[in-house]
Protein backbone atom coordinates (compact mmCIF):
# COMPACT_ATOMS: atom_id res chain seq x y z
CA MET A 1 59.47 15.34 -0.19
CA PRO A 2 59.24 12.77 3.07
CA ARG A 3 55.56 11.59 3.06
CA ASP A 4 53.24 10.99 6.29
CA THR A 5 51.81 7.87 6.21
CA LYS A 6 49.22 8.48 8.52
CA ASP A 7 47.49 10.22 5.66
CA GLU A 8 48.13 7.50 3.45
CA THR A 9 46.86 4.89 5.60
CA GLN A 10 43.47 7.31 6.76
CA THR A 11 43.07 7.29 2.79
CA VAL A 12 43.28 3.65 2.65
CA PHE A 13 40.91 2.46 5.16
CA ASN A 14 38.79 5.86 4.09
CA SER A 15 38.55 3.84 0.47
CA GLN A 16 36.78 0.83 1.73
CA PRO A 17 33.63 0.14 0.21
CA ASP A 18 29.86 0.22 1.75
CA PRO A 19 29.29 -2.83 2.86
CA LEU A 20 26.24 -5.09 0.59
CA THR A 21 25.11 -6.58 3.83
CA VAL A 22 24.09 -5.90 7.32
CA ARG A 23 23.90 -7.70 10.10
CA ILE A 24 20.40 -7.47 12.09
CA PRO A 25 22.25 -5.65 14.87
CA ASP A 26 23.78 -2.86 12.88
CA ALA A 27 20.22 -2.51 10.43
CA ILE A 28 18.60 -1.87 13.68
CA ARG A 29 21.38 0.57 14.31
CA MET A 30 21.50 2.17 10.78
CA THR A 31 17.77 2.54 10.64
CA GLY A 32 15.67 3.34 14.32
CA ILE A 33 13.62 0.20 13.98
CA GLY A 34 13.25 -2.02 16.84
CA ARG A 35 14.56 -5.91 16.37
CA SER A 36 10.42 -6.79 16.77
CA LYS A 37 9.56 -4.26 14.09
CA LEU A 38 12.47 -5.49 11.76
CA TYR A 39 11.83 -9.35 12.06
CA GLU A 40 8.32 -8.09 11.04
CA LEU A 41 9.22 -6.70 8.87
CA ILE A 42 11.27 -9.57 7.54
CA GLN A 43 8.75 -12.11 7.60
CA SER A 44 6.13 -10.16 5.80
CA GLY A 45 8.41 -9.55 3.25
CA ASP A 46 8.87 -5.49 3.04
CA ILE A 47 12.75 -6.54 4.04
CA GLU A 48 14.05 -9.26 2.11
CA ILE A 49 17.43 -11.51 4.05
CA VAL A 50 20.29 -13.27 2.53
CA LYS A 51 21.25 -16.29 4.55
CA ILE A 52 24.37 -17.88 4.28
CA GLY A 53 24.95 -20.46 6.55
CA SER A 54 23.33 -19.35 10.15
CA ALA A 55 24.03 -16.03 8.97
CA THR A 56 21.47 -14.03 8.39
CA LEU A 57 22.03 -10.63 6.52
CA ILE A 58 19.99 -7.94 5.09
CA PRO A 59 21.36 -6.06 1.91
CA VAL A 60 21.66 -2.75 2.89
CA GLU A 61 19.43 -1.83 -0.48
CA SER A 62 16.50 -3.51 1.39
CA LEU A 63 16.59 -1.23 3.64
CA ARG A 64 17.13 1.90 1.74
CA GLN A 65 13.99 1.17 -0.57
CA LEU A 66 12.44 0.42 2.65
CA ILE A 67 12.72 3.91 3.91
CA ASN A 68 12.30 5.95 0.64
CA ARG A 69 8.84 4.23 0.32
CA ASN A 70 7.62 5.18 4.02
CA ARG A 71 8.59 8.88 3.90
CA ARG A 72 6.13 11.45 3.68
């Protein structure tokens, strides 16, 4: 029985792990928080960042914790 290479390719792409960190624009899209507010939350320590070279990365877990802390 011939294999469907399209299905195999789809499986490979869907098996990619979730990212550990995201860049600022991705964090804005993921949370719906505005850019200025996101920077305020970083400055206050409510959101952690990781600096690697000039890149500012935000751990996805830090975003999840922020959302969970502010649920009502």
